[in-house]
Protein backbone atom coordinates (compact mmCIF):
# COMPACT_ATOMS: atom_id res chain seq x y z
CA MET A 1 -16.60 3.10 -15.85
CA GLY A 2 -17.09 -0.69 -16.12
CA LEU A 3 -20.40 -2.41 -15.42
CA PHE A 4 -19.44 -3.66 -11.96
CA SER A 5 -17.30 -0.61 -10.91
CA PHE A 6 -19.73 0.16 -8.22
CA LEU A 7 -18.34 -3.12 -6.53
CA THR A 8 -14.86 -1.57 -6.41
CA LYS A 9 -13.84 -0.20 -2.83
CA GLU A 10 -10.99 1.96 -2.32
CA VAL A 11 -9.13 1.37 0.91
CA ALA A 12 -6.08 3.18 2.32
CA ILE A 13 -4.10 1.12 4.67
CA ASP A 14 -1.07 2.30 7.03
CA LEU A 15 0.54 -1.23 7.70
CA GLY A 16 2.48 -0.20 10.90
CA THR A 17 4.53 -2.41 13.11
CA ALA A 18 2.63 -1.21 16.26
CA ASN A 19 -0.63 -0.09 14.85
CA THR A 20 -2.61 -0.75 11.66
CA ILE A 21 -4.82 2.06 10.29
CA ILE A 22 -7.67 1.65 7.58
CA ILE A 23 -9.19 4.55 5.79
CA PHE A 24 -12.43 4.20 3.79
CA ASN A 25 -14.39 7.05 2.37
CA ASP A 26 -12.04 9.48 3.84
CA LYS A 27 -12.81 8.24 7.31
CA VAL A 28 -10.68 6.15 9.69
CA VAL A 29 -12.88 3.01 10.04
CA VAL A 30 -10.22 0.82 11.57
CA ASP A 31 -7.55 1.65 14.15
CA GLU A 32 -6.19 -1.51 15.75
CA PRO A 33 -2.84 -2.81 17.19
CA SER A 34 -1.06 -4.94 14.34
CA ILE A 35 -1.29 -8.34 16.37
CA VAL A 36 -3.09 -11.68 16.15
CA ALA A 37 -3.78 -14.37 18.50
CA ILE A 38 -3.82 -17.99 17.13
CA GLU A 39 -4.78 -21.34 18.53
CA ARG A 40 -1.45 -23.52 18.51
CA ASN A 41 -3.11 -26.84 17.70
CA THR A 42 -5.32 -25.85 15.18
CA GLY A 43 -3.88 -22.77 13.66
CA ARG A 44 -7.06 -20.92 14.04
CA ILE A 45 -7.37 -17.07 14.45
CA ILE A 46 -8.96 -16.50 17.85
CA ALA A 47 -8.52 -12.56 17.93
CA VAL A 48 -7.12 -9.72 15.93
CA GLY A 49 -6.14 -6.13 17.02
CA LYS A 50 -7.28 -4.81 20.54
CA GLU A 51 -8.78 -8.25 21.50
CA ALA A 52 -5.31 -10.03 20.66
CA MET A 53 -3.42 -7.12 22.42
CA MET A 54 -5.41 -7.70 25.58
CA MET A 55 -4.14 -11.48 25.39
CA HIS A 56 -0.46 -10.49 24.75
CA GLY A 57 1.88 -11.70 27.32
CA LYS A 58 -0.96 -13.39 29.18
CA THR A 59 -1.57 -16.64 27.17
CA HIS A 60 -1.44 -20.36 28.09
CA GLU A 61 0.52 -22.85 26.17
CA ASN A 62 -2.33 -23.44 23.45
CA ILE A 63 -2.84 -19.66 22.39
CA LYS A 64 0.25 -17.63 21.05
CA THR A 65 0.10 -13.96 20.17
CA ILE A 66 2.25 -12.84 16.96
CA ARG A 67 3.10 -9.28 15.68
CA PRO A 68 3.36 -10.07 12.11
CA LEU A 69 5.37 -7.04 11.29
CA ARG A 70 8.83 -6.29 12.60
CA ASP A 71 10.92 -3.27 11.91
CA GLY A 72 8.34 -2.11 9.50
CA VAL A 73 8.33 -5.27 7.28
CA ILE A 74 6.40 -8.41 7.19
CA ALA A 75 7.99 -10.93 9.36
CA ASP A 76 5.28 -13.62 9.38
CA PHE A 77 3.70 -13.78 6.08
CA GLN A 78 0.81 -15.88 6.97
CA SER A 79 -0.25 -14.00 10.12
CA ALA A 80 0.11 -10.76 8.10
CA GLU A 81 -2.52 -12.01 5.54
CA TYR A 82 -4.92 -13.12 8.06
CA MET A 83 -4.70 -9.73 9.97
CA ILE A 84 -4.88 -7.65 6.89
CA ARG A 85 -8.15 -9.99 5.80
CA GLU A 86 -9.82 -9.77 9.31
CA MET A 87 -9.31 -6.06 9.71
CA ILE A 88 -10.72 -5.46 6.16
CA LYS A 89 -13.84 -7.41 7.40
CA MET A 90 -14.04 -4.89 10.26
CA ILE A 91 -14.82 -2.08 7.56
CA TRP A 92 -18.18 -3.85 6.53
CA PRO A 93 -19.76 -5.34 10.02
CA LYS A 94 -22.55 -6.64 7.83
CA LYS A 95 -21.36 -9.18 5.25
CA PRO A 96 -21.93 -7.61 1.74
CA LEU A 97 -23.93 -9.78 -0.72
CA PHE A 98 -21.25 -9.46 -3.36
CA PRO A 99 -17.62 -9.50 -1.78
CA PRO A 100 -16.03 -5.96 -3.23
CA ALA A 101 -12.87 -5.83 -5.62
CA LEU A 102 -10.50 -4.00 -3.36
CA LYS A 103 -8.21 -1.16 -4.68
CA MET A 104 -5.58 -0.57 -1.92
CA VAL A 105 -2.76 1.78 -1.38
CA ILE A 106 -0.51 0.61 1.48
CA CYS A 107 2.48 2.63 2.84
CA ILE A 108 5.80 1.05 3.39
CA PRO A 109 9.00 2.26 4.91
CA SER A 110 11.31 3.91 2.37
CA GLY A 111 14.21 1.69 3.11
CA ILE A 112 12.76 -1.61 2.54
CA THR A 113 14.13 -4.34 -0.15
CA GLU A 114 12.24 -5.34 -3.32
CA VAL A 115 11.52 -8.85 -1.52
CA GLU A 116 10.00 -7.17 1.43
CA GLU A 117 7.87 -4.82 -0.94
CA ARG A 118 6.63 -7.84 -2.78
CA ALA A 119 5.64 -9.69 0.57
CA VAL A 120 3.52 -6.43 1.43
CA LYS A 121 1.97 -6.78 -1.96
CA ASP A 122 1.45 -10.65 -1.92
CA SER A 123 -0.19 -10.47 1.46
CA ALA A 124 -2.65 -7.81 0.35
CA GLU A 125 -3.44 -9.86 -2.66
CA GLN A 126 -3.93 -12.93 -0.75
CA ALA A 127 -6.35 -10.97 1.60
CA GLY A 128 -8.48 -10.06 -1.55
CA ALA A 129 -6.98 -6.83 -3.03
CA LYS A 130 -7.42 -6.73 -6.78
CA ASP A 131 -5.09 -3.74 -7.40
CA VAL A 132 -2.36 -2.88 -4.81
CA LYS A 133 -0.22 0.26 -4.91
CA LEU A 134 2.65 1.21 -2.47
CA ILE A 135 3.67 4.60 -1.25
CA HIS A 136 6.61 5.29 0.99
CA GLU A 137 5.85 6.55 4.57
CA PRO A 138 7.86 9.72 4.52
CA MET A 139 5.84 10.87 1.41
CA ALA A 140 2.63 9.86 2.80
CA ALA A 141 3.45 11.69 6.15
CA ALA A 142 4.37 14.73 4.16
CA ILE A 143 0.94 14.75 2.26
CA GLY A 144 -0.94 13.94 5.71
CA ILE A 145 0.73 16.94 7.21
CA GLY A 146 -0.66 19.11 4.56
CA ILE A 147 2.60 19.78 2.83
CA ASP A 148 2.36 20.56 -0.90
CA VAL A 149 4.78 17.91 -2.02
CA MET A 150 4.73 18.91 -5.79
CA GLU A 151 6.14 22.32 -5.17
CA PRO A 152 9.83 22.84 -5.80
CA THR A 153 10.50 23.39 -2.18
CA GLY A 154 12.62 21.06 0.10
CA ASN A 155 10.87 19.62 3.05
CA MET A 156 12.26 17.51 5.79
CA ILE A 157 9.95 14.64 7.42
CA ILE A 158 10.97 12.51 10.15
CA ASP A 159 8.40 9.74 10.86
CA ILE A 160 9.15 7.74 14.04
CA GLY A 161 7.01 4.68 14.06
CA GLY A 162 7.06 1.41 15.83
CA GLY A 163 9.54 -0.33 14.00
CA THR A 164 11.48 2.35 11.85
CA SER A 165 12.38 5.80 11.81
CA GLU A 166 12.10 7.41 8.38
CA ILE A 167 14.00 10.79 7.58
CA ALA A 168 13.52 12.17 4.17
CA VAL A 169 13.99 15.17 2.33
CA ILE A 170 11.08 15.72 -0.21
CA ALA A 171 10.73 18.18 -3.31
CA LEU A 172 8.94 18.03 -6.68
CA GLY A 173 6.83 15.16 -5.60
CA GLY A 174 9.77 12.83 -4.92
CA ILE A 175 12.11 11.78 -2.13
CA VAL A 176 15.47 13.56 -2.89
CA ASN A 177 17.36 11.72 -0.22
CA ASN A 178 16.31 9.43 2.74
CA LYS A 179 17.66 7.64 5.81
CA SER A 180 15.65 4.77 7.09
CA ILE A 181 16.85 3.46 10.61
CA ARG A 182 15.50 0.44 12.42
CA ILE A 183 15.30 2.26 15.67
CA ALA A 184 12.06 3.34 16.87
CA GLY A 185 9.19 2.87 19.46
CA ASP A 186 9.86 -0.85 19.93
CA ASP A 187 13.37 -0.05 20.76
CA PHE A 188 12.38 2.61 23.26
CA ASN A 189 10.13 -0.25 24.83
CA THR A 190 13.11 -2.64 24.97
CA ASP A 191 15.34 0.18 26.52
CA ILE A 192 12.55 0.60 29.12
CA GLU A 193 12.49 -3.26 29.84
CA GLU A 194 16.40 -3.49 30.13
CA TYR A 195 16.56 -0.52 32.42
CA MET A 196 13.95 -1.65 34.83
CA ARG A 197 15.82 -5.00 35.00
CA LYS A 198 19.17 -3.54 35.56
CA GLN A 199 18.18 -0.55 37.73
CA HIS A 200 15.40 -1.51 39.81
CA ASN A 201 15.54 -5.44 39.66
CA ILE A 202 12.11 -5.80 38.29
CA ASN A 203 10.92 -7.79 35.39
CA ILE A 204 8.24 -5.96 33.26
CA GLY A 205 6.29 -7.12 29.96
CA GLU A 206 6.12 -5.17 26.55
CA ARG A 207 2.67 -3.89 27.33
CA THR A 208 3.96 -2.34 30.73
CA ALA A 209 7.07 -0.79 28.89
CA GLU A 210 4.72 0.74 26.29
CA ARG A 211 2.53 2.26 29.29
CA ILE A 212 5.65 3.76 30.99
CA LYS A 213 6.66 5.21 27.69
CA ILE A 214 3.26 6.94 27.11
CA GLU A 215 2.72 8.10 30.91
CA VAL A 216 6.45 9.35 31.66
CA GLY A 217 8.46 8.81 28.37
CA ALA A 218 10.86 11.86 27.64
CA ALA A 219 13.63 12.66 25.52
CA MET A 220 15.47 14.79 27.77
CA ALA A 221 15.82 15.56 31.53
CA GLU A 222 14.74 19.22 31.41
CA ILE A 223 11.26 19.53 29.98
CA ASP A 224 8.40 21.85 30.51
CA ASN A 225 5.25 20.48 32.29
CA PRO A 226 6.83 17.15 33.45
CA PRO A 227 4.50 14.25 34.07
CA ASP A 228 3.85 12.84 37.64
CA ASP A 229 5.76 9.69 38.73
CA TYR A 230 4.23 6.54 37.55
CA ALA A 231 3.67 3.41 39.41
CA VAL A 232 5.08 0.35 37.92
CA HIS A 233 4.09 -3.28 38.60
CA GLY A 234 6.18 -6.13 37.71
CA ARG A 235 8.01 -9.24 39.11
CA ASP A 236 10.77 -8.70 41.42
CA MET A 237 13.76 -10.50 40.01
CA LEU A 238 15.43 -11.51 43.62
CA THR A 239 12.25 -12.81 45.36
CA GLY A 240 9.78 -13.60 42.27
CA ILE A 241 7.05 -11.76 44.12
CA PRO A 242 5.03 -8.89 42.36
CA LYS A 243 5.98 -5.55 43.38
CA GLU A 244 5.44 -1.75 42.78
CA ILE A 245 7.97 0.95 42.19
CA LYS A 246 7.64 4.52 41.02
CA VAL A 247 9.59 6.03 38.22
CA ASN A 248 9.91 9.51 37.01
CA TYR A 249 10.60 11.03 33.47
CA ALA A 250 13.95 11.86 34.31
CA GLU A 251 15.01 8.21 34.70
CA ILE A 252 13.16 7.30 31.40
CA ALA A 253 14.91 10.29 29.38
CA HIS A 254 18.22 8.79 30.60
CA CYS A 255 17.59 5.22 29.49
CA LEU A 256 16.06 6.33 25.95
CA ASP A 257 19.13 8.55 25.53
CA LYS A 258 21.27 6.04 23.41
CA SER A 259 18.40 5.34 20.97
CA ILE A 260 17.38 8.78 20.38
CA SER A 261 21.14 9.69 20.03
CA LYS A 262 21.02 7.37 16.97
CA ILE A 263 18.02 8.97 15.44
CA GLU A 264 19.74 12.37 15.99
CA ALA A 265 22.85 11.03 14.12
CA ALA A 266 20.62 9.90 11.35
CA VAL A 267 18.98 13.07 11.11
CA LEU A 268 22.34 14.89 10.71
CA HIS A 269 23.56 12.26 8.06
CA ALA A 270 20.43 13.01 6.11
CA LEU A 271 21.03 16.88 6.25
CA GLU A 272 24.75 16.34 5.20
CA MET A 273 23.45 14.39 2.07
CA THR A 274 20.97 17.27 1.15
CA PRO A 275 21.68 19.39 -1.83
CA PRO A 276 22.64 23.09 -1.01
CA GLU A 277 19.60 24.57 -2.56
CA LEU A 278 17.22 22.23 -0.67
CA SER A 279 19.25 22.81 2.52
CA ALA A 280 18.37 26.65 1.96
CA ASP A 281 14.85 25.79 1.98
CA ILE A 282 14.88 23.51 4.93
CA TYR A 283 16.61 26.28 7.06
CA SER A 284 13.29 28.31 6.56
CA THR A 285 10.65 25.44 6.53
CA GLY A 286 12.18 23.19 9.45
CA ILE A 287 11.70 19.78 10.06
CA TYR A 288 8.36 18.11 10.54
CA LEU A 289 7.71 15.31 13.01
CA ALA A 290 5.22 12.61 12.55
CA GLY A 291 4.60 9.15 13.84
CA GLY A 292 3.82 7.94 17.50
CA GLY A 293 7.33 8.36 18.51
CA SER A 294 7.18 12.17 17.97
CA LEU A 295 4.87 12.30 20.92
CA LEU A 296 7.59 11.76 23.26
CA ARG A 297 8.05 14.58 25.48
CA GLY A 298 10.81 17.02 24.56
CA LEU A 299 11.96 15.19 21.41
CA ASP A 300 11.16 18.44 19.20
CA LYS A 301 13.12 20.62 21.54
CA ARG A 302 15.95 18.12 21.62
CA LEU A 303 16.11 18.00 17.90
CA HIS A 304 15.99 21.66 17.71
CA LEU A 305 18.99 22.12 20.08
CA LYS A 306 20.92 19.45 18.02
CA THR A 307 20.12 20.71 14.39
CA LYS A 308 19.16 24.61 15.38
CA LEU A 309 16.36 24.30 13.03
CA PRO A 310 12.67 24.99 13.76
CA VAL A 311 11.05 21.62 14.70
CA ARG A 312 7.25 20.97 14.27
CA VAL A 313 5.25 18.25 15.54
CA ALA A 314 2.33 17.24 12.97
CA GLU A 315 -1.39 17.54 14.55
CA ASP A 316 -2.53 13.97 15.52
CA PRO A 317 0.87 12.57 14.41
CA LEU A 318 -0.39 9.03 14.90
CA ARG A 319 -2.54 9.35 11.96
CA ALA A 320 -0.61 11.61 9.75
CA VAL A 321 0.73 8.73 7.54
CA ALA A 322 -2.60 7.07 7.25
CA ARG A 323 -4.32 10.36 6.39
CA GLY A 324 -1.59 11.18 3.58
CA THR A 325 -2.18 7.56 2.26
CA GLY A 326 -5.89 8.21 1.93
CA ILE A 327 -5.47 11.52 0.18
CA ALA A 328 -2.98 9.77 -2.30
CA LEU A 329 -5.65 7.09 -2.79
CA LYS A 330 -8.19 9.76 -3.60
CA ASN A 331 -6.02 11.80 -6.02
CA PHE A 332 -4.92 8.60 -7.57
CA ASP A 333 -4.20 10.29 -11.00
CA LYS A 334 -2.55 13.39 -9.39
CA PHE A 335 -0.04 11.25 -7.30
CA THR A 336 0.63 8.43 -9.92
CA PHE A 337 4.40 8.83 -10.14
CA LEU A 338 4.52 8.80 -5.95
CA ILE A 339 2.84 5.39 -5.82
CA LYS A 340 4.58 2.17 -7.08
């Protein structure tokens, strides 16, 4: 232990396309949407997280809202750095006398390039991190679900986030094979926006599409405990006047069908590429679902019908990846070869 080791703080970050979660001292201390609001004239950050989300789609010309991550990777380097820095400040509401040296573990999609990896590391370093390690999302999700990843047993994890869907087979503390596709929650929102335009002649924004997905989103037309119809407000494309229409879960299931089929195809492809001994394990352990997309009604049932394998949704799937990142940070020495 060095003289100033007490000044080193360990932070685990799930840097997501839709939400960023920060874990410090085994507690979730920040859970905010991954978005920043910037003043165009000065480039000054006005708001980060929930505050910026409330402005999204409602700004005038001098304010713009930016989502720094697209498809699970950093699309706007400077905004990402601002966002990480501001969210780290939220951990300590009272400004510490000596700024702590930060040791970070950040989770990243398993299919990203070295350049994209470098962008995540650089953003974190610019935001004040002294030591940055990266862990792949499916591995973090597996640890967060409570699977013993060091065992010589195959486990299949599907992590459906905002920007990417990660499908991975894990055994002996490593990813045996993985398929990362850039179809996830954001694409579901786009599908809903498009469907509302074509089918109901109504223009809606990203936030409304997200609300529809949460309230009446479904992966199949026959589900147990269907939700009530949901009233959608938007702009009539013919008259330009605001109007309200009701949508039901079966309509949304129909409009999401194409994107979910692509996720199913990726799952089948990952199963095809799995070594036979691990396939035998997966037959008994089944498939684990994590990430916000796994909350879509009937998705587990639909995947079960497609693969004939048991499908389990993780408890609190939204935070499974963040929990796993936190555990990996705490057992830094045990998981050294998992973390880049």
